[in-house]
Amino acid sequence: MHKIWLIIQREYTTRVKNKRFLLVTFLMPLLIIGLIFGSAYLSTTGTEHRKIAVIDPNGFIKTSLKNTNQIEFLFPENIDTNNYSQKGFTDILILPQFEKNSKTDYILRSKKSMGLMLQNSISEKINTAIEDQMLQDAGIHQNVLDSIHKASQFAELKAYEDKGENTSKESNAGLAMGIGYASGFLIYITLFIYGTMVMRGVMEEKTNRIAEVIISSVKPFELMLGKIIGIGAVGLTQFAMWIILITSLTSVGMGLLPADLQHQVTALQQNNGQMGSVGMVQASESAMRIYNMQHTIATANWPLILSCFVFYFLGGYLFYSALFAAVGSVVNEDPQDAQSLTFPITMPIIFSYLITNMVTQNPNTPLAFWASMIPFSSPMVMMARIAYGVPSAVSYWELALSMAILIVGFLFTTWLSGKIYRTGILMYGKKVNWKTMIKWAFTKQS
């Protein structure tokens, strides 16, 4: 055990004291916050505005078609497909004469291609206009329709998880999907980064002949376990510092908000989203957004999510890093050999990430269950399911079984890697494939 601790200490200190580690650790939170605010800014200012000329022989579309921030419908005269661009329009919409119960098409012509979302929006608005006209033909006036449309927007869905006979907890599918996707993505990235780091460390030790000295005094399993745990501790240190820095920067950002805005947010928190006094009935849109964001984040079971994330990050890292270490021990100096040998390892990681994207939207399918049990995919897939709640989405026995299988899995791959390492680290000038590596792993060594 003392030897394993010395190896862990060496791997941890040499990497934590590296300038690159410090640079990435402190710059990453700033980059994440910058991406969040940059995405929000681009989503509001980077939208495309389309000015559409409409040719309508029906007569009722003009009063029923609604404009948006992105789409402006105009009904000019003396315009056709030849001159709409010269007159300042981006598109021209040609509507046919609509006949009742008759399928028909309308044409949109543009000089520049239009995205699918905008096309669907235009189609939806035209269908809504036709529906309104049909209701008016049935005797319902436009002002009545407008009042009904406005009044019907009062309902809002609130989802709750049943915790027992008389207890429940508010849930949020959007937040769960975001947490599941973010957790899976972080594990996906770290498996590649730190797994490759382990492989390169082993390759350097082999090239520099340092491993020949180490292997004479340490068992292969102890060496692999110490190296993998040491680098894994570096990853956990980085995650902890990122959480602390992001939380601190967020708190500082909240403190820089105007005093009246902070007062409105505090009042909303005290009154569960409802402004208590008459003078504060009209809370600003910014205050409501901040309150809704804080309220949504608070619905998640963060202690469970963070503890499971640490476990599955370590479990997935230990499982795959052992395989990366095995590859590093048999590669000499040719990077192409490393690429060909790591392909069978990287493909399950990529495939697991693709499954995770599906599970974030459907956490209770048979695919989600089995993928959260198999050690190759469980670190990412199970985090996507846990975000939806335990035991509502993942029962306790499923979580316990998944954890147990992952523990057995990384102990097996570490043992396997140690046996391959002992033979491969002392072999030079010979190309090795996976068939040979498996033969080494299951051959009894003296």
Protein backbone atom coordinates (compact mmCIF):
# COMPACT_ATOMS: atom_id res chain seq x y z
CA MET A 1 0.00 0.00 0.00
CA HIS A 2 2.91 2.32 0.77
CA LYS A 3 4.30 1.83 -2.74
CA ILE A 4 0.90 2.62 -4.32
CA TRP A 5 0.70 5.82 -2.27
CA LEU A 6 4.19 6.90 -3.43
CA ILE A 7 3.17 6.38 -7.07
CA ILE A 8 -0.08 8.30 -6.54
CA GLN A 9 1.83 11.16 -4.91
CA ARG A 10 4.37 11.32 -7.73
CA GLU A 11 1.75 11.32 -10.49
CA TYR A 12 -0.37 13.93 -8.69
CA THR A 13 2.34 16.41 -7.70
CA THR A 14 4.18 16.39 -11.03
CA ARG A 15 0.98 17.30 -12.89
CA VAL A 16 -0.56 19.73 -10.39
CA LYS A 17 2.66 21.77 -10.27
CA ASN A 18 2.68 21.99 -14.06
CA LYS A 19 2.02 25.50 -15.42
CA ARG A 20 -0.36 24.12 -18.04
CA PHE A 21 -2.54 22.60 -15.32
CA LEU A 22 -2.81 25.94 -13.49
CA LEU A 23 -3.51 27.81 -16.72
CA VAL A 24 -6.32 25.46 -17.79
CA THR A 25 -7.79 25.33 -14.27
CA PHE A 26 -8.16 29.09 -13.91
CA LEU A 27 -9.04 29.94 -17.50
CA MET A 28 -11.67 27.23 -18.03
CA PRO A 29 -14.33 28.82 -15.73
CA LEU A 30 -13.88 32.15 -17.50
CA LEU A 31 -14.23 30.38 -20.84
CA ILE A 32 -17.40 28.56 -19.70
CA ILE A 33 -19.02 31.76 -18.39
CA GLY A 34 -17.98 33.59 -21.55
CA LEU A 35 -19.55 30.89 -23.71
CA ILE A 36 -22.80 31.04 -21.72
CA PHE A 37 -23.13 34.82 -21.94
CA GLY A 38 -21.85 34.85 -25.51
CA SER A 39 -24.43 32.27 -26.56
CA ALA A 40 -27.18 34.25 -24.85
CA TYR A 41 -26.05 37.45 -26.57
CA LEU A 42 -25.82 35.83 -29.99
CA SER A 43 -29.24 34.23 -29.56
CA THR A 44 -30.79 37.67 -29.08
CA THR A 45 -28.74 39.74 -31.53
CA GLY A 46 -27.75 37.15 -34.11
CA THR A 47 -31.23 36.32 -35.36
CA GLU A 48 -32.01 36.70 -39.05
CA HIS A 49 -34.71 39.18 -40.09
CA ARG A 50 -36.81 38.28 -43.14
CA LYS A 51 -38.96 40.84 -44.92
CA ILE A 52 -41.54 38.84 -46.86
CA ALA A 53 -43.80 40.18 -49.61
CA VAL A 54 -47.12 38.32 -49.70
CA ILE A 55 -49.32 37.86 -52.77
CA ASP A 56 -52.75 36.89 -51.45
CA PRO A 57 -55.81 36.43 -53.66
CA ASN A 58 -57.94 35.38 -50.65
CA GLY A 59 -58.20 38.73 -48.88
CA PHE A 60 -58.33 37.48 -45.30
CA ILE A 61 -54.65 36.58 -44.77
CA LYS A 62 -53.60 40.23 -44.34
CA THR A 63 -55.61 40.68 -41.16
CA SER A 64 -54.80 37.25 -39.70
CA LEU A 65 -51.08 36.82 -40.42
CA LYS A 66 -49.00 37.86 -37.38
CA ASN A 67 -45.51 39.38 -37.55
CA THR A 68 -42.62 38.39 -35.25
CA ASN A 69 -39.17 39.78 -34.47
CA GLN A 70 -37.72 37.59 -37.22
CA ILE A 71 -40.50 37.63 -39.81
CA GLU A 72 -42.28 40.69 -41.21
CA PHE A 73 -45.18 40.09 -43.61
CA LEU A 74 -46.07 42.91 -45.99
CA PHE A 75 -48.71 43.11 -48.72
CA PRO A 76 -47.36 45.53 -51.37
CA GLU A 77 -48.94 46.10 -54.78
CA ASN A 78 -47.31 45.65 -58.18
CA ILE A 79 -44.78 43.10 -56.96
CA ASP A 80 -43.87 39.73 -58.43
CA THR A 81 -41.09 37.17 -58.49
CA ASN A 82 -38.98 39.35 -60.82
CA ASN A 83 -38.83 42.56 -58.78
CA TYR A 84 -39.35 41.63 -55.09
CA SER A 85 -35.60 41.67 -54.39
CA GLN A 86 -35.11 45.10 -56.00
CA LYS A 87 -37.87 46.51 -53.80
CA GLY A 88 -36.11 45.46 -50.60
CA PHE A 89 -37.79 42.14 -49.81
CA THR A 90 -35.87 39.01 -48.85
CA ASP A 91 -38.64 36.62 -49.89
CA ILE A 92 -41.93 36.49 -51.73
CA LEU A 93 -44.81 34.31 -50.53
CA ILE A 94 -47.31 33.33 -53.23
CA LEU A 95 -50.60 32.05 -51.86
CA PRO A 96 -53.18 30.29 -54.04
CA GLN A 97 -56.92 30.71 -53.80
CA PHE A 98 -57.81 28.52 -50.84
CA GLU A 99 -60.76 26.22 -51.38
CA LYS A 100 -62.52 24.52 -48.50
CA ASN A 101 -61.54 20.87 -47.94
CA SER A 102 -59.10 21.04 -50.85
CA LYS A 103 -55.40 20.29 -50.44
CA THR A 104 -53.22 23.04 -51.94
CA ASP A 105 -49.65 24.34 -51.88
CA TYR A 106 -48.19 27.80 -51.42
CA ILE A 107 -44.81 28.90 -52.74
CA LEU A 108 -41.98 30.75 -51.00
CA ARG A 109 -39.25 32.11 -53.26
CA SER A 110 -36.00 33.54 -51.87
CA LYS A 111 -32.67 34.80 -53.08
CA LYS A 112 -31.05 33.26 -49.99
CA SER A 113 -31.92 29.90 -48.49
CA MET A 114 -34.16 29.89 -45.42
CA GLY A 115 -33.66 27.70 -42.36
CA LEU A 116 -36.05 24.90 -41.45
CA MET A 117 -37.22 26.63 -38.25
CA LEU A 118 -38.28 29.75 -40.13
CA GLN A 119 -40.03 27.70 -42.80
CA ASN A 120 -41.98 25.82 -40.14
CA SER A 121 -42.85 29.11 -38.43
CA ILE A 122 -44.25 30.58 -41.66
CA SER A 123 -46.23 27.40 -42.35
CA GLU A 124 -47.66 27.42 -38.82
CA LYS A 125 -48.70 31.09 -39.08
CA ILE A 126 -50.47 30.55 -42.40
CA ASN A 127 -52.31 27.52 -41.05
CA THR A 128 -53.32 29.54 -37.96
CA ALA A 129 -54.60 32.35 -40.19
CA ILE A 130 -56.67 29.87 -42.23
CA GLU A 131 -58.03 28.31 -39.02
CA ASP A 132 -59.03 31.76 -37.67
CA GLN A 133 -60.80 32.57 -40.93
CA MET A 134 -62.71 29.30 -40.84
CA LEU A 135 -63.81 30.09 -37.27
CA GLN A 136 -64.93 33.54 -38.36
CA ASP A 137 -66.90 31.97 -41.20
CA ALA A 138 -68.58 29.84 -38.55
CA GLY A 139 -69.75 33.00 -36.75
CA ILE A 140 -66.92 33.79 -34.29
CA HIS A 141 -65.63 37.37 -34.63
CA GLN A 142 -61.92 38.26 -34.72
CA ASN A 143 -61.97 40.23 -31.45
CA VAL A 144 -63.47 37.19 -29.70
CA LEU A 145 -60.75 34.96 -31.18
CA ASP A 146 -58.02 37.35 -30.02
CA SER A 147 -59.40 37.46 -26.50
CA ILE A 148 -59.66 33.66 -26.38
CA HIS A 149 -56.07 33.24 -27.62
CA LYS A 150 -54.82 35.67 -24.97
CA ALA A 151 -56.92 34.26 -22.14
CA SER A 152 -55.96 30.66 -22.91
CA GLN A 153 -52.28 31.31 -22.05
CA PHE A 154 -52.87 31.36 -18.28
CA ALA A 155 -52.05 27.69 -17.58
CA GLU A 156 -48.53 26.46 -16.80
CA LEU A 157 -47.43 22.87 -16.29
CA LYS A 158 -45.87 21.98 -12.91
CA ALA A 159 -44.47 18.45 -12.68
CA TYR A 160 -43.90 16.74 -9.32
CA GLU A 161 -42.22 13.53 -8.22
CA ASP A 162 -44.15 11.47 -5.66
CA LYS A 163 -41.94 10.82 -2.63
CA GLY A 164 -44.46 8.93 -0.55
CA GLU A 165 -48.08 9.02 0.53
CA ASN A 166 -48.22 12.74 1.35
CA THR A 167 -44.94 14.17 0.01
CA SER A 168 -43.87 15.32 -3.43
CA LYS A 169 -41.07 17.30 -5.02
CA GLU A 170 -41.20 19.66 -7.98
CA SER A 171 -39.29 18.38 -11.00
CA ASN A 172 -38.07 20.06 -14.15
CA ALA A 173 -37.47 17.99 -17.29
CA GLY A 174 -35.55 20.79 -19.00
CA LEU A 175 -33.12 21.11 -16.10
CA ALA A 176 -32.75 17.32 -15.87
CA MET A 177 -31.96 17.09 -19.57
CA GLY A 178 -29.40 19.90 -19.25
CA ILE A 179 -27.71 18.32 -16.23
CA GLY A 180 -27.67 14.91 -17.87
CA TYR A 181 -26.21 16.26 -21.09
CA ALA A 182 -23.60 18.39 -19.30
CA SER A 183 -22.55 15.52 -17.01
CA GLY A 184 -22.27 13.09 -19.89
CA PHE A 185 -20.30 15.58 -21.96
CA LEU A 186 -17.84 16.31 -19.11
CA ILE A 187 -17.24 12.60 -18.52
CA TYR A 188 -16.90 12.05 -22.28
CA ILE A 189 -14.23 14.77 -22.57
CA THR A 190 -12.31 13.73 -19.45
CA LEU A 191 -12.19 10.09 -20.51
CA PHE A 192 -10.33 11.17 -23.62
CA ILE A 193 -8.11 13.79 -21.94
CA TYR A 194 -7.02 11.88 -18.85
CA GLY A 195 -7.07 8.47 -20.53
CA THR A 196 -4.69 9.79 -23.17
CA MET A 197 -2.63 11.38 -20.39
CA VAL A 198 -2.20 7.97 -18.76
CA MET A 199 -1.22 6.40 -22.08
CA ARG A 200 1.36 9.10 -22.82
CA GLY A 201 2.79 8.81 -19.30
CA VAL A 202 3.32 5.09 -19.76
CA MET A 203 4.81 5.63 -23.23
CA GLU A 204 7.28 8.20 -21.84
CA GLU A 205 8.34 5.86 -19.03
CA LYS A 206 8.94 3.09 -21.55
CA THR A 207 10.87 5.32 -23.95
CA ASN A 208 13.04 6.79 -21.16
CA ARG A 209 13.65 3.32 -19.64
CA ILE A 210 12.34 4.55 -16.26
CA ALA A 211 9.79 1.74 -16.17
CA GLU A 212 12.53 -0.89 -16.16
CA VAL A 213 13.63 0.37 -12.77
CA ILE A 214 10.10 0.78 -11.36
CA ILE A 215 8.84 -2.64 -12.48
CA SER A 216 11.64 -4.37 -10.57
CA SER A 217 10.33 -3.14 -7.20
CA VAL A 218 6.56 -2.76 -7.73
CA LYS A 219 3.92 -5.26 -8.79
CA PRO A 220 2.21 -4.46 -12.13
CA PHE A 221 -1.22 -4.12 -10.50
CA GLU A 222 0.15 -1.71 -7.86
CA LEU A 223 1.93 0.36 -10.51
CA MET A 224 -1.16 0.66 -12.71
CA LEU A 225 -3.45 1.42 -9.77
CA GLY A 226 -1.14 4.11 -8.40
CA LYS A 227 -0.63 5.78 -11.77
CA ILE A 228 -4.32 5.78 -12.65
CA ILE A 229 -5.53 7.00 -9.23
CA GLY A 230 -2.91 9.76 -9.18
CA ILE A 231 -3.98 11.18 -12.52
CA GLY A 232 -7.64 10.74 -11.59
CA ALA A 233 -7.04 12.82 -8.46
CA VAL A 234 -5.72 15.57 -10.72
CA GLY A 235 -9.00 15.53 -12.61
CA LEU A 236 -11.05 15.71 -9.40
CA THR A 237 -8.93 18.62 -8.19
CA GLN A 238 -9.60 20.44 -11.42
CA PHE A 239 -13.37 19.82 -11.20
CA ALA A 240 -13.48 21.01 -7.56
CA MET A 241 -11.62 24.20 -8.42
CA TRP A 242 -13.88 24.82 -11.42
CA ILE A 243 -17.00 24.49 -9.25
CA ILE A 244 -15.55 26.87 -6.63
CA LEU A 245 -14.46 29.43 -9.22
CA ILE A 246 -17.72 29.33 -11.20
CA THR A 247 -19.78 29.64 -8.00
CA SER A 248 -17.63 32.55 -6.81
CA LEU A 249 -17.82 34.37 -10.15
CA THR A 250 -21.60 33.86 -10.26
CA SER A 251 -21.96 35.28 -6.73
CA VAL A 252 -19.82 38.27 -7.66
CA GLY A 253 -21.93 38.81 -10.79
CA MET A 254 -25.15 38.74 -8.74
CA GLY A 255 -23.65 41.28 -6.34
CA LEU A 256 -22.96 43.67 -9.22
CA LEU A 257 -26.63 43.79 -10.25
CA PRO A 258 -28.53 47.07 -9.63
CA ALA A 259 -29.95 47.37 -6.10
CA ASP A 260 -33.57 47.65 -7.29
CA LEU A 261 -33.18 44.49 -9.38
CA GLN A 262 -31.74 42.58 -6.40
CA HIS A 263 -34.63 43.86 -4.26
CA GLN A 264 -37.18 42.56 -6.79
CA VAL A 265 -35.47 39.15 -6.95
CA THR A 266 -35.45 38.92 -3.14
CA ALA A 267 -39.14 39.85 -3.00
CA LEU A 268 -39.97 37.18 -5.58
CA GLN A 269 -38.06 34.57 -3.55
CA GLN A 270 -39.90 35.50 -0.36
CA ASN A 271 -43.30 35.33 -2.05
CA ASN A 272 -42.69 32.23 -4.22
CA GLY A 273 -42.64 34.18 -7.46
CA GLN A 274 -45.57 36.48 -6.63
CA MET A 275 -45.05 40.18 -5.93
CA GLY A 276 -46.67 40.99 -2.60
CA SER A 277 -47.27 44.73 -2.68
CA VAL A 278 -49.19 46.79 -5.23
CA GLY A 279 -46.13 48.89 -5.96
CA MET A 280 -44.20 45.81 -7.09
CA VAL A 281 -46.86 44.03 -9.10
CA GLN A 282 -44.92 44.73 -12.27
CA ALA A 283 -41.62 42.97 -11.63
CA SER A 284 -39.06 43.61 -14.34
CA GLU A 285 -38.49 40.94 -16.94
CA SER A 286 -34.84 40.62 -15.84
CA ALA A 287 -35.89 39.99 -12.22
CA MET A 288 -38.36 37.32 -13.29
CA ARG A 289 -35.70 35.61 -15.41
CA ILE A 290 -33.20 35.57 -12.55
CA TYR A 291 -35.81 34.26 -10.11
CA ASN A 292 -37.00 31.56 -12.54
CA MET A 293 -33.41 30.46 -13.15
CA GLN A 294 -32.65 30.24 -9.42
CA HIS A 295 -35.95 28.47 -8.70
CA THR A 296 -35.37 25.96 -11.50
CA ILE A 297 -31.82 25.18 -10.35
CA ALA A 298 -33.07 24.65 -6.78
CA THR A 299 -35.42 21.85 -7.89
CA ALA A 300 -32.48 19.49 -8.55
CA ASN A 301 -31.11 17.13 -5.88
CA TRP A 302 -27.58 18.52 -6.05
CA PRO A 303 -25.97 16.43 -3.25
CA LEU A 304 -27.05 13.23 -5.01
CA ILE A 305 -26.08 14.48 -8.47
CA LEU A 306 -22.62 15.69 -7.40
CA SER A 307 -21.82 12.56 -5.38
CA CYS A 308 -22.89 10.30 -8.25
CA PHE A 309 -20.94 12.43 -10.71
CA VAL A 310 -17.76 11.98 -8.64
CA PHE A 311 -18.32 8.22 -8.48
CA TYR A 312 -19.08 7.75 -12.17
CA PHE A 313 -16.30 10.09 -13.22
CA LEU A 314 -13.81 8.07 -11.18
CA GLY A 315 -15.34 4.72 -12.16
CA GLY A 316 -15.39 5.52 -15.87
CA TYR A 317 -11.93 7.04 -15.72
CA LEU A 318 -10.46 4.03 -13.88
CA PHE A 319 -12.17 1.62 -16.25
CA TYR A 320 -10.93 3.23 -19.46
CA SER A 321 -7.57 4.54 -18.19
CA ALA A 322 -6.47 1.00 -17.44
CA LEU A 323 -7.09 0.12 -21.09
CA PHE A 324 -5.23 3.24 -22.27
CA ALA A 325 -2.32 2.30 -19.99
CA ALA A 326 -2.22 -1.18 -21.53
CA VAL A 327 -1.91 0.40 -24.99
CA GLY A 328 0.82 2.77 -23.80
CA SER A 329 2.90 -0.11 -22.50
CA VAL A 330 3.11 -1.88 -25.88
CA VAL A 331 3.69 1.17 -28.11
CA ASN A 332 7.29 2.08 -28.90
CA GLU A 333 7.68 5.48 -30.61
CA ASP A 334 5.29 5.27 -33.55
CA PRO A 335 2.14 7.40 -32.93
CA GLN A 336 0.29 5.49 -35.67
CA ASP A 337 0.56 2.32 -33.58
CA ALA A 338 -1.07 4.14 -30.66
CA GLN A 339 -3.92 5.38 -32.87
CA SER A 340 -4.69 1.93 -34.26
CA LEU A 341 -4.58 0.29 -30.83
CA THR A 342 -6.75 2.95 -29.13
CA PHE A 343 -9.49 2.71 -31.78
CA PRO A 344 -11.28 -0.22 -30.02
CA ILE A 345 -11.21 1.86 -26.79
CA THR A 346 -12.41 5.18 -28.22
CA MET A 347 -15.29 3.71 -30.21
CA PRO A 348 -17.26 2.57 -27.10
CA ILE A 349 -16.73 6.04 -25.59
CA ILE A 350 -18.14 7.75 -28.68
CA PHE A 351 -21.00 5.27 -28.96
CA SER A 352 -21.84 5.78 -25.26
CA TYR A 353 -21.99 9.52 -25.78
CA LEU A 354 -24.44 9.08 -28.65
CA ILE A 355 -26.63 6.88 -26.43
CA THR A 356 -26.43 9.53 -23.69
CA ASN A 357 -27.88 12.13 -26.03
CA MET A 358 -30.90 9.87 -26.59
CA VAL A 359 -31.26 8.98 -22.92
CA THR A 360 -31.39 12.65 -21.87
CA GLN A 361 -34.77 12.79 -23.62
CA ASN A 362 -36.00 9.25 -22.83
CA PRO A 363 -34.47 8.04 -19.53
CA ASN A 364 -36.70 5.01 -18.97
CA THR A 365 -36.31 2.96 -22.15
CA PRO A 366 -34.81 -0.57 -22.21
CA LEU A 367 -31.79 0.87 -24.06
CA ALA A 368 -31.28 3.38 -21.23
CA PHE A 369 -31.46 0.62 -18.60
CA TRP A 370 -28.96 -1.76 -20.22
CA ALA A 371 -26.58 1.02 -21.25
CA SER A 372 -26.54 2.25 -17.65
CA MET A 373 -25.50 -1.24 -16.47
CA ILE A 374 -22.69 -2.01 -18.94
CA PRO A 375 -19.39 -0.54 -17.63
CA PHE A 376 -18.40 0.69 -21.10
CA SER A 377 -21.35 3.11 -21.18
CA SER A 378 -22.72 3.38 -17.62
CA PRO A 379 -20.62 6.42 -16.49
CA MET A 380 -22.26 8.70 -19.06
CA VAL A 381 -25.68 7.07 -19.48
CA MET A 382 -26.43 6.63 -15.77
CA MET A 383 -25.67 10.32 -15.09
CA ALA A 384 -28.21 11.23 -17.77
CA ARG A 385 -30.82 9.12 -15.95
CA ILE A 386 -29.92 10.21 -12.41
CA ALA A 387 -30.60 13.83 -13.35
CA TYR A 388 -34.30 12.92 -13.68
CA GLY A 389 -34.39 11.73 -10.08
CA VAL A 390 -33.85 8.78 -7.77
CA PRO A 391 -35.97 6.67 -7.34
CA SER A 392 -38.42 8.26 -9.83
CA ALA A 393 -36.25 7.59 -12.91
CA VAL A 394 -33.59 5.27 -11.46
CA SER A 395 -34.54 2.90 -8.65
CA TYR A 396 -32.11 2.34 -5.79
CA TRP A 397 -31.39 -1.24 -6.81
CA GLU A 398 -30.55 -0.13 -10.36
CA LEU A 399 -28.13 2.49 -9.03
CA ALA A 400 -26.50 0.01 -6.63
CA LEU A 401 -26.19 -2.67 -9.33
CA SER A 402 -24.70 -0.22 -11.84
CA MET A 403 -22.13 0.97 -9.28
CA ALA A 404 -21.19 -2.59 -8.30
CA ILE A 405 -20.72 -3.69 -11.92
CA LEU A 406 -18.59 -0.61 -12.65
CA ILE A 407 -16.37 -1.31 -9.61
CA VAL A 408 -15.85 -4.92 -10.72
CA GLY A 409 -15.23 -3.66 -14.26
CA PHE A 410 -12.45 -1.22 -13.41
CA LEU A 411 -10.78 -3.73 -11.02
CA PHE A 412 -10.77 -6.26 -13.87
CA THR A 413 -9.39 -3.84 -16.48
CA THR A 414 -6.73 -2.63 -14.02
CA TRP A 415 -5.64 -6.22 -13.35
CA LEU A 416 -5.69 -6.91 -17.09
CA SER A 417 -3.67 -3.79 -17.80
CA GLY A 418 -1.10 -4.68 -15.15
CA LYS A 419 -0.41 -8.07 -16.75
CA ILE A 420 -0.09 -6.54 -20.23
CA TYR A 421 2.10 -3.77 -18.83
CA ARG A 422 4.55 -6.20 -17.22
CA THR A 423 5.26 -7.87 -20.57
CA GLY A 424 4.86 -4.92 -22.93
CA ILE A 425 6.94 -2.39 -21.00
CA LEU A 426 10.07 -4.49 -21.45
CA MET A 427 9.52 -5.26 -25.12
CA TYR A 428 11.07 -3.00 -27.76
CA GLY A 429 11.10 -2.99 -31.56
CA LYS A 430 8.10 -5.29 -32.03
CA LYS A 431 4.62 -4.28 -33.20
CA VAL A 432 1.85 -5.69 -31.05
CA ASN A 433 -1.87 -6.10 -31.76
CA TRP A 434 -4.83 -6.67 -29.46
CA LYS A 435 -4.74 -10.43 -30.05
CA THR A 436 -1.21 -10.57 -28.66
CA MET A 437 -2.11 -8.29 -25.75
CA ILE A 438 -5.03 -10.51 -24.73
CA LYS A 439 -2.73 -13.55 -24.92
CA TRP A 440 -0.30 -11.83 -22.54
CA ALA A 441 -3.13 -10.92 -20.17
CA PHE A 442 -4.39 -14.47 -19.75
CA THR A 443 -1.05 -16.24 -19.78
CA LYS A 444 0.20 -17.24 -16.35
CA GLN A 445 3.41 -15.35 -15.56
CA SER A 446 6.09 -16.35 -13.14
